[in-house]
Amino acid sequence: MNGIHDMGGMHGFGRVPKEPEATEPVFHEVWEGRVYAITRALGPWRKWNIDTGRYFIEMIPAAEYLRMSYYEKWFTRMVTLLIKTGTVTREEVETGRAAAGSEKLTPALTPEMVPAVALNRNIPSSYEPGVVPKFRAGERVRARNMQPLGHTRLPRYARGKVGEIDRDHGVHNFPDTNADGRGPKRQHVYAVRFSARELWGPEASAHDFVYLDLWDDYLERA
């Protein structure tokens, strides 16, 4: 989908700080750590995957998206998905109380389970000899000019642009189908090298390049 989250190449959002905070904490507020912990604790129930989670952040209205902090987006996504999957009701969220007679999800997450379950992202191996790559290192490719309605990892600024395959990262889930329940559609992902001038025009530096990780289905031969 084309939304405010895909900000690459856009102007007018102010200066990007050159230096990080000298003493930046892991979390700026206590509640941020709690949101992170709850998000990871929900993982073992397999109610949604990482691509679904990204998609629901992208669906936050533009004005709200720009106003929210990073973990406010996480919180909004989490609440929306908990309600959508039937894990909780809207009334339970608003009151902070479980509905009478509501079913408790199992298994309960104990501290002993955290390293093996909540912190294990269960990412399958990228080595799958049976999945044949469509492209090889050194090939010139064009990012497809596509306007998908759902989640995608193909940035708007690269669509229709020509680059070169730099390396093959192996086989991974295809986010466009994985986000909405159509399946992982395993395929190769490549680091694709684009010149800054190809992306931004002749005024860009001739010495600068951008590397994007792109799936087979995002690419065609140039």
N, C-alpha and C. Protein backbone atom coordinates (compact mmCIF):
# COMPACT_ATOMS: atom_id res chain seq x y z
N MET A 1 0.84 -1.18 0.00
CA MET A 1 0.00 0.00 0.00
C MET A 1 0.88 1.24 0.00
N ASN A 2 0.38 2.32 -0.56
CA ASN A 2 1.09 3.58 -0.56
C ASN A 2 0.59 4.41 0.62
N GLY A 3 1.47 4.65 1.58
CA GLY A 3 1.07 5.38 2.77
C GLY A 3 2.18 6.26 3.30
N ILE A 4 1.90 6.95 4.39
CA ILE A 4 2.86 7.89 4.96
C ILE A 4 4.09 7.17 5.51
N HIS A 5 3.96 5.86 5.79
CA HIS A 5 5.10 5.11 6.32
C HIS A 5 6.24 5.01 5.31
N ASP A 6 5.91 5.08 4.02
CA ASP A 6 6.91 4.93 2.96
C ASP A 6 7.44 6.32 2.61
N MET A 7 8.33 6.84 3.45
CA MET A 7 8.74 8.24 3.38
C MET A 7 10.01 8.47 2.58
N GLY A 8 10.63 7.43 2.06
CA GLY A 8 11.87 7.59 1.31
C GLY A 8 11.70 8.54 0.13
N GLY A 9 12.58 9.51 0.03
CA GLY A 9 12.53 10.45 -1.07
C GLY A 9 11.58 11.61 -0.88
N MET A 10 10.83 11.62 0.24
CA MET A 10 9.89 12.71 0.49
C MET A 10 10.60 13.88 1.18
N HIS A 11 10.06 15.08 1.00
CA HIS A 11 10.67 16.28 1.55
C HIS A 11 9.72 16.96 2.53
N GLY A 12 10.28 17.89 3.32
CA GLY A 12 9.45 18.75 4.16
C GLY A 12 9.21 18.27 5.57
N PHE A 13 9.96 17.28 6.03
CA PHE A 13 9.74 16.76 7.38
C PHE A 13 10.80 17.24 8.37
N GLY A 14 11.58 18.21 7.98
CA GLY A 14 12.57 18.77 8.90
C GLY A 14 13.91 18.07 8.82
N ARG A 15 14.85 18.59 9.59
CA ARG A 15 16.22 18.11 9.58
C ARG A 15 16.34 16.77 10.30
N VAL A 16 17.13 15.88 9.75
CA VAL A 16 17.45 14.61 10.41
C VAL A 16 18.67 14.86 11.30
N PRO A 17 18.55 14.59 12.62
CA PRO A 17 19.70 14.83 13.51
C PRO A 17 20.93 14.06 13.05
N LYS A 18 22.08 14.72 13.08
CA LYS A 18 23.31 14.07 12.62
C LYS A 18 23.88 13.14 13.69
N GLU A 19 23.63 13.45 14.94
CA GLU A 19 24.21 12.66 16.03
C GLU A 19 23.10 12.06 16.88
N PRO A 20 23.26 10.82 17.34
CA PRO A 20 22.28 10.22 18.25
C PRO A 20 22.39 10.85 19.63
N GLU A 21 21.40 10.58 20.47
CA GLU A 21 21.46 11.06 21.84
C GLU A 21 22.68 10.48 22.53
N ALA A 22 23.43 11.33 23.23
CA ALA A 22 24.68 10.89 23.86
C ALA A 22 24.43 9.81 24.90
N THR A 23 23.35 9.93 25.63
CA THR A 23 23.04 8.95 26.70
C THR A 23 21.65 8.35 26.46
N GLU A 24 21.40 7.97 25.22
CA GLU A 24 20.07 7.47 24.89
C GLU A 24 19.75 6.17 25.64
N PRO A 25 18.62 6.13 26.35
CA PRO A 25 18.23 4.91 27.07
C PRO A 25 17.60 3.91 26.10
N VAL A 26 17.50 2.67 26.54
CA VAL A 26 16.82 1.66 25.72
C VAL A 26 15.36 2.06 25.51
N PHE A 27 14.70 2.52 26.58
CA PHE A 27 13.33 3.02 26.51
C PHE A 27 13.29 4.40 27.15
N HIS A 28 12.60 5.33 26.53
CA HIS A 28 12.51 6.67 27.07
C HIS A 28 11.49 6.78 28.20
N GLU A 29 10.51 5.88 28.20
CA GLU A 29 9.50 5.85 29.25
C GLU A 29 9.29 4.40 29.68
N VAL A 30 8.85 4.21 30.92
CA VAL A 30 8.62 2.86 31.44
C VAL A 30 7.58 2.12 30.60
N TRP A 31 6.54 2.84 30.16
CA TRP A 31 5.47 2.18 29.40
C TRP A 31 5.97 1.61 28.08
N GLU A 32 7.02 2.21 27.50
CA GLU A 32 7.55 1.70 26.25
C GLU A 32 8.10 0.28 26.43
N GLY A 33 8.82 0.08 27.54
CA GLY A 33 9.34 -1.25 27.83
C GLY A 33 8.22 -2.26 28.03
N ARG A 34 7.12 -1.81 28.62
CA ARG A 34 5.99 -2.71 28.83
C ARG A 34 5.34 -3.10 27.51
N VAL A 35 5.20 -2.14 26.62
CA VAL A 35 4.62 -2.43 25.30
C VAL A 35 5.50 -3.43 24.56
N TYR A 36 6.81 -3.23 24.62
CA TYR A 36 7.73 -4.16 23.97
C TYR A 36 7.58 -5.56 24.57
N ALA A 37 7.54 -5.64 25.90
CA ALA A 37 7.45 -6.94 26.58
C ALA A 37 6.14 -7.65 26.25
N ILE A 38 5.04 -6.91 26.25
CA ILE A 38 3.74 -7.53 25.94
C ILE A 38 3.73 -8.04 24.50
N THR A 39 4.29 -7.25 23.59
CA THR A 39 4.34 -7.65 22.19
C THR A 39 5.09 -8.97 22.03
N ARG A 40 6.25 -9.08 22.68
CA ARG A 40 7.02 -10.32 22.59
C ARG A 40 6.32 -11.48 23.28
N ALA A 41 5.62 -11.19 24.39
CA ALA A 41 4.92 -12.24 25.12
C ALA A 41 3.75 -12.80 24.31
N LEU A 42 3.18 -11.98 23.42
CA LEU A 42 2.06 -12.44 22.60
C LEU A 42 2.53 -13.36 21.47
N GLY A 43 3.81 -13.31 21.14
CA GLY A 43 4.36 -14.08 20.03
C GLY A 43 4.04 -15.56 20.05
N PRO A 44 4.19 -16.27 21.19
CA PRO A 44 3.95 -17.72 21.21
C PRO A 44 2.54 -18.13 20.82
N TRP A 45 1.58 -17.22 20.87
CA TRP A 45 0.21 -17.57 20.51
C TRP A 45 0.00 -17.58 19.00
N ARG A 46 0.97 -17.04 18.24
CA ARG A 46 0.94 -17.10 16.78
C ARG A 46 -0.37 -16.54 16.19
N LYS A 47 -0.84 -15.45 16.75
CA LYS A 47 -2.06 -14.82 16.25
C LYS A 47 -1.80 -14.03 14.97
N TRP A 48 -0.56 -13.58 14.79
CA TRP A 48 -0.19 -12.86 13.57
C TRP A 48 1.31 -12.97 13.39
N ASN A 49 1.80 -12.58 12.22
CA ASN A 49 3.23 -12.66 11.95
C ASN A 49 3.82 -11.26 11.79
N ILE A 50 5.13 -11.18 11.58
CA ILE A 50 5.81 -9.89 11.53
C ILE A 50 5.30 -9.02 10.38
N ASP A 51 4.96 -9.64 9.25
CA ASP A 51 4.47 -8.86 8.11
C ASP A 51 3.07 -8.31 8.38
N THR A 52 2.23 -9.10 9.05
CA THR A 52 0.92 -8.61 9.44
C THR A 52 1.06 -7.43 10.38
N GLY A 53 2.00 -7.56 11.33
CA GLY A 53 2.23 -6.47 12.28
C GLY A 53 2.66 -5.19 11.58
N ARG A 54 3.55 -5.29 10.62
CA ARG A 54 4.00 -4.11 9.88
C ARG A 54 2.83 -3.50 9.10
N TYR A 55 2.02 -4.35 8.51
CA TYR A 55 0.89 -3.89 7.71
C TYR A 55 -0.08 -3.06 8.55
N PHE A 56 -0.33 -3.52 9.78
CA PHE A 56 -1.29 -2.81 10.62
C PHE A 56 -0.71 -1.49 11.16
N ILE A 57 0.59 -1.37 11.27
CA ILE A 57 1.17 -0.07 11.58
C ILE A 57 1.00 0.87 10.39
N GLU A 58 1.18 0.33 9.20
CA GLU A 58 1.04 1.15 7.99
C GLU A 58 -0.38 1.68 7.80
N MET A 59 -1.37 0.99 8.37
CA MET A 59 -2.75 1.41 8.20
C MET A 59 -3.18 2.49 9.19
N ILE A 60 -2.29 2.90 10.09
CA ILE A 60 -2.60 4.01 10.98
C ILE A 60 -2.77 5.27 10.13
N PRO A 61 -3.85 6.04 10.31
CA PRO A 61 -4.06 7.26 9.50
C PRO A 61 -2.84 8.17 9.54
N ALA A 62 -2.58 8.83 8.40
CA ALA A 62 -1.35 9.61 8.23
C ALA A 62 -1.11 10.62 9.34
N ALA A 63 -2.13 11.39 9.70
CA ALA A 63 -1.95 12.42 10.73
C ALA A 63 -1.56 11.80 12.07
N GLU A 64 -2.18 10.67 12.40
CA GLU A 64 -1.86 9.99 13.65
C GLU A 64 -0.47 9.37 13.57
N TYR A 65 -0.13 8.79 12.44
CA TYR A 65 1.18 8.17 12.26
C TYR A 65 2.30 9.18 12.49
N LEU A 66 2.16 10.36 11.94
CA LEU A 66 3.20 11.39 12.09
C LEU A 66 3.25 11.93 13.52
N ARG A 67 2.12 11.93 14.21
CA ARG A 67 2.08 12.44 15.58
C ARG A 67 2.68 11.45 16.57
N MET A 68 2.51 10.15 16.32
CA MET A 68 2.86 9.12 17.30
C MET A 68 4.35 8.89 17.39
N SER A 69 4.78 8.48 18.57
CA SER A 69 6.15 8.01 18.74
C SER A 69 6.23 6.56 18.28
N TYR A 70 7.44 6.01 18.24
CA TYR A 70 7.66 4.65 17.76
C TYR A 70 6.81 3.65 18.53
N TYR A 71 6.85 3.69 19.86
CA TYR A 71 6.13 2.69 20.65
C TYR A 71 4.64 3.00 20.76
N GLU A 72 4.23 4.23 20.49
CA GLU A 72 2.80 4.49 20.37
C GLU A 72 2.24 3.75 19.16
N LYS A 73 3.00 3.69 18.08
CA LYS A 73 2.59 2.92 16.91
C LYS A 73 2.50 1.44 17.26
N TRP A 74 3.50 0.94 18.00
CA TRP A 74 3.48 -0.46 18.42
C TRP A 74 2.23 -0.75 19.25
N PHE A 75 1.90 0.14 20.18
CA PHE A 75 0.75 -0.06 21.07
C PHE A 75 -0.54 -0.07 20.26
N THR A 76 -0.68 0.89 19.35
CA THR A 76 -1.89 0.97 18.53
C THR A 76 -2.06 -0.28 17.68
N ARG A 77 -0.95 -0.73 17.07
CA ARG A 77 -0.98 -1.96 16.28
C ARG A 77 -1.39 -3.16 17.14
N MET A 78 -0.82 -3.27 18.32
CA MET A 78 -1.09 -4.41 19.18
C MET A 78 -2.56 -4.47 19.58
N VAL A 79 -3.12 -3.35 20.00
CA VAL A 79 -4.51 -3.32 20.43
C VAL A 79 -5.43 -3.66 19.26
N THR A 80 -5.16 -3.09 18.10
CA THR A 80 -5.99 -3.35 16.91
C THR A 80 -5.99 -4.83 16.56
N LEU A 81 -4.81 -5.45 16.58
CA LEU A 81 -4.72 -6.87 16.21
C LEU A 81 -5.32 -7.78 17.28
N LEU A 82 -5.18 -7.42 18.55
CA LEU A 82 -5.80 -8.22 19.61
C LEU A 82 -7.31 -8.26 19.45
N ILE A 83 -7.89 -7.13 19.08
CA ILE A 83 -9.34 -7.08 18.88
C ILE A 83 -9.71 -7.81 17.60
N LYS A 84 -8.98 -7.58 16.53
CA LYS A 84 -9.29 -8.20 15.23
C LYS A 84 -9.22 -9.71 15.30
N THR A 85 -8.26 -10.25 16.05
CA THR A 85 -8.11 -11.71 16.14
C THR A 85 -9.04 -12.33 17.18
N GLY A 86 -9.83 -11.51 17.87
CA GLY A 86 -10.74 -12.03 18.87
C GLY A 86 -10.08 -12.42 20.17
N THR A 87 -8.83 -11.99 20.36
CA THR A 87 -8.12 -12.31 21.60
C THR A 87 -8.73 -11.56 22.77
N VAL A 88 -9.12 -10.31 22.54
CA VAL A 88 -9.83 -9.52 23.55
C VAL A 88 -10.95 -8.77 22.83
N THR A 89 -11.87 -8.22 23.60
CA THR A 89 -12.92 -7.38 23.03
C THR A 89 -12.55 -5.91 23.24
N ARG A 90 -13.20 -5.03 22.49
CA ARG A 90 -12.95 -3.60 22.66
C ARG A 90 -13.33 -3.15 24.07
N GLU A 91 -14.39 -3.72 24.60
CA GLU A 91 -14.81 -3.36 25.96
C GLU A 91 -13.74 -3.76 26.97
N GLU A 92 -13.11 -4.92 26.79
CA GLU A 92 -12.05 -5.35 27.71
C GLU A 92 -10.87 -4.40 27.65
N VAL A 93 -10.54 -3.92 26.45
CA VAL A 93 -9.44 -2.97 26.32
C VAL A 93 -9.77 -1.66 27.03
N GLU A 94 -11.00 -1.17 26.83
CA GLU A 94 -11.38 0.12 27.39
C GLU A 94 -11.54 0.08 28.90
N THR A 95 -11.98 -1.06 29.44
CA THR A 95 -12.20 -1.15 30.89
C THR A 95 -11.00 -1.72 31.64
N GLY A 96 -10.13 -2.46 30.92
CA GLY A 96 -9.00 -3.10 31.57
C GLY A 96 -9.39 -4.32 32.37
N ARG A 97 -10.60 -4.84 32.14
CA ARG A 97 -11.09 -6.00 32.87
C ARG A 97 -11.53 -7.09 31.89
N ALA A 98 -11.20 -8.33 32.21
CA ALA A 98 -11.61 -9.45 31.37
C ALA A 98 -13.12 -9.63 31.46
N ALA A 99 -13.74 -9.95 30.34
CA ALA A 99 -15.18 -10.20 30.33
C ALA A 99 -15.49 -11.45 31.13
N ALA A 100 -16.63 -11.45 31.80
CA ALA A 100 -17.03 -12.60 32.60
C ALA A 100 -17.14 -13.84 31.73
N GLY A 101 -16.50 -14.91 32.17
CA GLY A 101 -16.57 -16.17 31.45
C GLY A 101 -15.69 -16.25 30.21
N SER A 102 -14.84 -15.25 29.98
CA SER A 102 -13.99 -15.27 28.79
C SER A 102 -12.94 -16.37 28.90
N GLU A 103 -12.59 -16.93 27.76
CA GLU A 103 -11.63 -18.03 27.74
C GLU A 103 -10.22 -17.51 27.94
N LYS A 104 -9.41 -18.22 28.72
CA LYS A 104 -8.02 -17.86 28.91
C LYS A 104 -7.15 -18.59 27.90
N LEU A 105 -6.28 -17.83 27.24
CA LEU A 105 -5.40 -18.45 26.25
C LEU A 105 -4.34 -19.30 26.94
N THR A 106 -3.99 -20.39 26.31
CA THR A 106 -2.94 -21.26 26.83
C THR A 106 -1.95 -21.54 25.71
N PRO A 107 -0.71 -21.84 25.99
CA PRO A 107 -0.18 -21.97 27.35
C PRO A 107 0.18 -20.60 27.93
N ALA A 108 0.13 -20.53 29.24
CA ALA A 108 0.56 -19.31 29.92
C ALA A 108 2.07 -19.17 29.75
N LEU A 109 2.53 -17.95 29.59
CA LEU A 109 3.96 -17.70 29.40
C LEU A 109 4.62 -17.53 30.75
N THR A 110 5.54 -18.42 31.07
CA THR A 110 6.26 -18.35 32.33
C THR A 110 7.66 -17.78 32.08
N PRO A 111 8.32 -17.26 33.13
CA PRO A 111 9.68 -16.72 32.95
C PRO A 111 10.64 -17.73 32.35
N GLU A 112 10.47 -19.02 32.67
CA GLU A 112 11.36 -20.05 32.17
C GLU A 112 11.21 -20.25 30.66
N MET A 113 10.04 -19.91 30.12
CA MET A 113 9.78 -20.11 28.70
C MET A 113 10.30 -18.97 27.83
N VAL A 114 10.61 -17.83 28.45
CA VAL A 114 10.94 -16.63 27.67
C VAL A 114 12.10 -16.83 26.69
N PRO A 115 13.27 -17.37 27.11
CA PRO A 115 14.37 -17.48 26.15
C PRO A 115 14.03 -18.35 24.94
N ALA A 116 13.30 -19.44 25.14
CA ALA A 116 13.02 -20.38 24.07
C ALA A 116 11.82 -19.99 23.22
N VAL A 117 10.90 -19.22 23.79
CA VAL A 117 9.65 -18.95 23.10
C VAL A 117 9.51 -17.48 22.71
N ALA A 118 9.47 -16.60 23.71
CA ALA A 118 9.19 -15.20 23.43
C ALA A 118 10.35 -14.50 22.72
N LEU A 119 11.59 -14.96 22.97
CA LEU A 119 12.74 -14.32 22.33
C LEU A 119 13.20 -15.06 21.08
N ASN A 120 12.57 -16.18 20.78
CA ASN A 120 12.90 -16.93 19.57
C ASN A 120 11.92 -16.51 18.47
N ARG A 121 12.43 -15.88 17.41
CA ARG A 121 11.56 -15.35 16.37
C ARG A 121 11.14 -16.41 15.36
N ASN A 122 11.67 -17.65 15.50
CA ASN A 122 11.26 -18.77 14.64
C ASN A 122 11.37 -18.43 13.15
N ILE A 123 12.46 -17.81 12.76
CA ILE A 123 12.69 -17.49 11.36
C ILE A 123 13.27 -18.71 10.67
N PRO A 124 12.61 -19.22 9.64
CA PRO A 124 13.12 -20.43 8.97
C PRO A 124 14.44 -20.18 8.27
N SER A 125 15.18 -21.24 8.00
CA SER A 125 16.47 -21.14 7.34
C SER A 125 16.32 -20.51 5.96
N SER A 126 17.31 -19.70 5.59
CA SER A 126 17.30 -19.08 4.26
C SER A 126 17.89 -20.01 3.20
N TYR A 127 18.34 -21.19 3.63
CA TYR A 127 18.93 -22.14 2.69
C TYR A 127 17.88 -23.14 2.26
N GLU A 128 17.38 -22.99 1.03
CA GLU A 128 16.40 -23.91 0.46
C GLU A 128 16.78 -24.19 -0.98
N PRO A 129 17.58 -25.22 -1.21
CA PRO A 129 18.05 -25.53 -2.58
C PRO A 129 16.92 -25.74 -3.58
N GLY A 130 15.75 -26.13 -3.09
CA GLY A 130 14.64 -26.39 -4.00
C GLY A 130 13.99 -25.14 -4.58
N VAL A 131 14.29 -23.98 -3.98
CA VAL A 131 13.73 -22.71 -4.48
C VAL A 131 14.77 -22.06 -5.38
N VAL A 132 14.50 -22.04 -6.67
CA VAL A 132 15.48 -21.57 -7.66
C VAL A 132 15.44 -20.05 -7.77
N PRO A 133 16.60 -19.38 -7.72
CA PRO A 133 16.62 -17.92 -7.88
C PRO A 133 16.31 -17.52 -9.31
N LYS A 134 15.64 -16.39 -9.47
CA LYS A 134 15.35 -15.87 -10.82
C LYS A 134 16.49 -15.03 -11.37
N PHE A 135 17.37 -14.53 -10.48
CA PHE A 135 18.42 -13.62 -10.90
C PHE A 135 19.76 -14.02 -10.28
N ARG A 136 20.84 -13.52 -10.88
CA ARG A 136 22.19 -13.80 -10.42
C ARG A 136 22.94 -12.49 -10.17
N ALA A 137 23.97 -12.56 -9.35
CA ALA A 137 24.80 -11.38 -9.08
C ALA A 137 25.34 -10.81 -10.38
N GLY A 138 25.29 -9.49 -10.51
CA GLY A 138 25.77 -8.82 -11.70
C GLY A 138 24.69 -8.52 -12.73
N GLU A 139 23.51 -9.15 -12.61
CA GLU A 139 22.43 -8.90 -13.58
C GLU A 139 21.79 -7.54 -13.33
N ARG A 140 21.44 -6.87 -14.44
CA ARG A 140 20.68 -5.63 -14.36
C ARG A 140 19.20 -5.98 -14.25
N VAL A 141 18.54 -5.32 -13.31
CA VAL A 141 17.12 -5.58 -13.06
C VAL A 141 16.38 -4.26 -12.91
N ARG A 142 15.10 -4.32 -13.10
CA ARG A 142 14.23 -3.16 -12.88
C ARG A 142 13.22 -3.51 -11.79
N ALA A 143 13.09 -2.61 -10.83
CA ALA A 143 12.04 -2.80 -9.82
C ALA A 143 10.70 -2.55 -10.49
N ARG A 144 9.78 -3.47 -10.29
CA ARG A 144 8.48 -3.36 -10.95
C ARG A 144 7.74 -2.10 -10.51
N ASN A 145 7.03 -1.49 -11.44
CA ASN A 145 6.19 -0.33 -11.12
C ASN A 145 4.83 -0.86 -10.71
N MET A 146 4.66 -1.09 -9.42
CA MET A 146 3.47 -1.73 -8.88
C MET A 146 2.86 -0.86 -7.79
N GLN A 147 1.55 -0.94 -7.66
CA GLN A 147 0.83 -0.15 -6.65
C GLN A 147 -0.07 -1.10 -5.85
N PRO A 148 0.53 -1.95 -5.02
CA PRO A 148 -0.25 -2.96 -4.30
C PRO A 148 -1.19 -2.35 -3.27
N LEU A 149 -2.32 -3.02 -3.05
CA LEU A 149 -3.30 -2.54 -2.08
C LEU A 149 -2.91 -2.91 -0.65
N GLY A 150 -2.12 -3.99 -0.50
CA GLY A 150 -1.74 -4.45 0.83
C GLY A 150 -0.30 -4.10 1.17
N HIS A 151 0.26 -4.84 2.11
CA HIS A 151 1.61 -4.60 2.58
C HIS A 151 2.63 -4.94 1.51
N THR A 152 3.68 -4.14 1.40
CA THR A 152 4.79 -4.44 0.50
C THR A 152 6.06 -3.83 1.06
N ARG A 153 7.21 -4.43 0.70
CA ARG A 153 8.51 -3.92 1.13
C ARG A 153 9.24 -3.26 -0.04
N LEU A 154 8.55 -3.01 -1.13
CA LEU A 154 9.15 -2.33 -2.28
C LEU A 154 8.88 -0.83 -2.17
N PRO A 155 9.91 -0.01 -1.88
CA PRO A 155 9.68 1.43 -1.69
C PRO A 155 9.19 2.11 -2.96
N ARG A 156 8.38 3.13 -2.78
CA ARG A 156 7.86 3.86 -3.94
C ARG A 156 8.98 4.47 -4.78
N TYR A 157 10.01 5.00 -4.11
CA TYR A 157 11.04 5.73 -4.85
C TYR A 157 11.86 4.82 -5.78
N ALA A 158 11.80 3.49 -5.56
CA ALA A 158 12.58 2.57 -6.39
C ALA A 158 11.77 1.95 -7.52
N ARG A 159 10.47 2.12 -7.53
CA ARG A 159 9.62 1.46 -8.53
C ARG A 159 9.91 2.01 -9.93
N GLY A 160 10.16 1.11 -10.84
CA GLY A 160 10.48 1.48 -12.21
C GLY A 160 11.94 1.82 -12.44
N LYS A 161 12.76 1.77 -11.38
CA LYS A 161 14.17 2.13 -11.48
C LYS A 161 15.02 0.89 -11.76
N VAL A 162 16.17 1.13 -12.42
CA VAL A 162 17.06 0.05 -12.81
C VAL A 162 18.26 -0.02 -11.87
N GLY A 163 18.59 -1.23 -11.43
CA GLY A 163 19.75 -1.45 -10.57
C GLY A 163 20.46 -2.72 -10.96
N GLU A 164 21.36 -3.16 -10.11
CA GLU A 164 22.16 -4.36 -10.38
C GLU A 164 22.15 -5.27 -9.16
N ILE A 165 21.97 -6.57 -9.39
CA ILE A 165 22.02 -7.54 -8.29
C ILE A 165 23.43 -7.57 -7.71
N ASP A 166 23.54 -7.28 -6.43
CA ASP A 166 24.84 -7.31 -5.77
C ASP A 166 25.11 -8.67 -5.14
N ARG A 167 24.10 -9.22 -4.46
CA ARG A 167 24.27 -10.53 -3.81
C ARG A 167 22.90 -11.14 -3.54
N ASP A 168 22.90 -12.43 -3.29
CA ASP A 168 21.69 -13.20 -3.00
C ASP A 168 21.67 -13.51 -1.51
N HIS A 169 20.62 -13.09 -0.82
CA HIS A 169 20.50 -13.32 0.62
C HIS A 169 19.86 -14.67 0.95
N GLY A 170 19.50 -15.45 -0.06
CA GLY A 170 18.84 -16.72 0.20
C GLY A 170 17.32 -16.57 0.13
N VAL A 171 16.62 -17.57 0.69
CA VAL A 171 15.17 -17.68 0.55
C VAL A 171 14.46 -17.19 1.81
N HIS A 172 13.43 -16.37 1.59
CA HIS A 172 12.69 -15.79 2.72
C HIS A 172 11.20 -15.71 2.37
N ASN A 173 10.37 -15.51 3.40
CA ASN A 173 8.94 -15.33 3.18
C ASN A 173 8.68 -14.06 2.38
N PHE A 174 7.69 -14.13 1.47
CA PHE A 174 7.32 -12.96 0.69
C PHE A 174 6.33 -12.12 1.49
N PRO A 175 6.69 -10.91 1.89
CA PRO A 175 5.86 -10.13 2.82
C PRO A 175 4.48 -9.78 2.28
N ASP A 176 4.36 -9.57 0.97
CA ASP A 176 3.09 -9.15 0.41
C ASP A 176 1.98 -10.17 0.63
N THR A 177 2.31 -11.46 0.52
CA THR A 177 1.31 -12.50 0.75
C THR A 177 1.28 -12.96 2.20
N ASN A 178 2.42 -12.88 2.88
CA ASN A 178 2.49 -13.33 4.27
C ASN A 178 1.70 -12.42 5.20
N ALA A 179 1.55 -11.15 4.82
CA ALA A 179 0.90 -10.17 5.68
C ALA A 179 -0.60 -10.38 5.81
N ASP A 180 -1.23 -10.93 4.76
CA ASP A 180 -2.69 -11.03 4.80
C ASP A 180 -3.21 -12.47 4.74
N GLY A 181 -2.35 -13.41 5.13
CA GLY A 181 -2.80 -14.79 5.26
C GLY A 181 -2.80 -15.60 3.99
N ARG A 182 -2.19 -15.11 2.90
CA ARG A 182 -2.14 -15.88 1.66
C ARG A 182 -0.97 -16.84 1.60
N GLY A 183 -0.17 -16.87 2.65
CA GLY A 183 0.94 -17.81 2.71
C GLY A 183 2.28 -17.14 2.52
N PRO A 184 3.37 -17.81 2.92
CA PRO A 184 4.70 -17.20 2.89
C PRO A 184 5.31 -17.06 1.50
N LYS A 185 4.90 -17.87 0.52
CA LYS A 185 5.39 -17.80 -0.86
C LYS A 185 6.91 -17.61 -0.88
N ARG A 186 7.64 -18.56 -0.38
CA ARG A 186 9.09 -18.48 -0.20
C ARG A 186 9.81 -18.18 -1.52
N GLN A 187 10.74 -17.22 -1.50
CA GLN A 187 11.49 -16.86 -2.69
C GLN A 187 12.79 -16.14 -2.31
N HIS A 188 13.66 -15.96 -3.30
CA HIS A 188 14.96 -15.34 -3.05
C HIS A 188 14.84 -13.83 -2.83
N VAL A 189 15.75 -13.34 -1.97
CA VAL A 189 15.86 -11.91 -1.70
C VAL A 189 17.28 -11.48 -2.07
N TYR A 190 17.40 -10.35 -2.75
CA TYR A 190 18.70 -9.88 -3.23
C TYR A 190 18.98 -8.47 -2.71
N ALA A 191 20.27 -8.20 -2.51
CA ALA A 191 20.70 -6.82 -2.32
C ALA A 191 20.87 -6.22 -3.71
N VAL A 192 20.07 -5.21 -4.03
CA VAL A 192 20.10 -4.59 -5.35
C VAL A 192 20.70 -3.20 -5.22
N ARG A 193 21.70 -2.92 -6.05
CA ARG A 193 22.45 -1.66 -6.00
C ARG A 193 21.89 -0.67 -7.03
N PHE A 194 21.40 0.47 -6.51
CA PHE A 194 20.88 1.53 -7.37
C PHE A 194 21.78 2.76 -7.24
N SER A 195 22.07 3.41 -8.34
CA SER A 195 22.82 4.66 -8.26
C SER A 195 21.90 5.77 -7.76
N ALA A 196 22.47 6.71 -7.03
CA ALA A 196 21.68 7.82 -6.53
C ALA A 196 21.05 8.60 -7.68
N ARG A 197 21.77 8.72 -8.79
CA ARG A 197 21.23 9.46 -9.93
C ARG A 197 20.06 8.73 -10.59
N GLU A 198 20.09 7.39 -10.56
CA GLU A 198 18.96 6.63 -11.09
C GLU A 198 17.71 6.89 -10.24
N LEU A 199 17.91 7.00 -8.93
CA LEU A 199 16.78 7.19 -8.02
C LEU A 199 16.33 8.64 -7.94
N TRP A 200 17.29 9.57 -7.87
CA TRP A 200 16.95 10.96 -7.54
C TRP A 200 17.18 11.95 -8.68
N GLY A 201 17.78 11.50 -9.79
CA GLY A 201 17.97 12.40 -10.92
C GLY A 201 19.40 12.90 -11.04
N PRO A 202 19.70 13.68 -12.09
CA PRO A 202 21.07 14.09 -12.41
C PRO A 202 21.73 15.00 -11.38
N GLU A 203 20.95 15.62 -10.48
CA GLU A 203 21.54 16.49 -9.47
C GLU A 203 22.13 15.70 -8.30
N ALA A 204 21.82 14.42 -8.21
CA ALA A 204 22.36 13.59 -7.13
C ALA A 204 23.84 13.30 -7.39
N SER A 205 24.55 12.90 -6.34
CA SER A 205 25.98 12.61 -6.46
C SER A 205 26.21 11.38 -7.33
N ALA A 206 27.22 11.48 -8.20
CA ALA A 206 27.57 10.34 -9.04
C ALA A 206 28.31 9.27 -8.26
N HIS A 207 28.69 9.56 -7.03
CA HIS A 207 29.48 8.62 -6.22
C HIS A 207 28.64 7.85 -5.20
N ASP A 208 27.34 8.15 -5.13
CA ASP A 208 26.49 7.56 -4.10
C ASP A 208 25.60 6.46 -4.68
N PHE A 209 25.36 5.43 -3.84
CA PHE A 209 24.53 4.30 -4.24
C PHE A 209 23.64 3.89 -3.08
N VAL A 210 22.52 3.29 -3.39
CA VAL A 210 21.58 2.78 -2.38
C VAL A 210 21.40 1.29 -2.62
N TYR A 211 21.50 0.49 -1.56
CA TYR A 211 21.29 -0.94 -1.65
C TYR A 211 19.94 -1.28 -1.01
N LEU A 212 19.08 -1.93 -1.77
CA LEU A 212 17.77 -2.33 -1.28
C LEU A 212 17.64 -3.85 -1.32
N ASP A 213 17.08 -4.43 -0.26
CA ASP A 213 16.80 -5.86 -0.25
C ASP A 213 15.44 -6.10 -0.88
N LEU A 214 15.43 -6.77 -2.04
CA LEU A 214 14.20 -6.94 -2.81
C LEU A 214 13.96 -8.40 -3.17
N TRP A 215 12.70 -8.80 -3.15
CA TRP A 215 12.30 -10.17 -3.43
C TRP A 215 12.17 -10.41 -4.94
N ASP A 216 12.19 -11.69 -5.34
CA ASP A 216 12.03 -12.05 -6.75
C ASP A 216 10.83 -11.36 -7.41
N ASP A 217 9.69 -11.38 -6.72
CA ASP A 217 8.46 -10.85 -7.32
C ASP A 217 8.45 -9.34 -7.47
N TYR A 218 9.45 -8.66 -6.92
CA TYR A 218 9.55 -7.21 -7.10
C TYR A 218 10.37 -6.82 -8.33
N LEU A 219 10.99 -7.82 -8.94
CA LEU A 219 12.01 -7.51 -9.96
C LEU A 219 11.68 -8.10 -11.33
N GLU A 220 12.20 -7.45 -12.37
CA GLU A 220 12.16 -7.96 -13.72
C GLU A 220 13.48 -7.61 -14.39
N ARG A 221 13.83 -8.34 -15.42
CA ARG A 221 15.10 -8.06 -16.12
C ARG A 221 15.02 -6.73 -16.86
N ALA A 222 16.08 -5.97 -16.75
CA ALA A 222 16.13 -4.65 -17.41
C ALA A 222 16.56 -4.78 -18.87
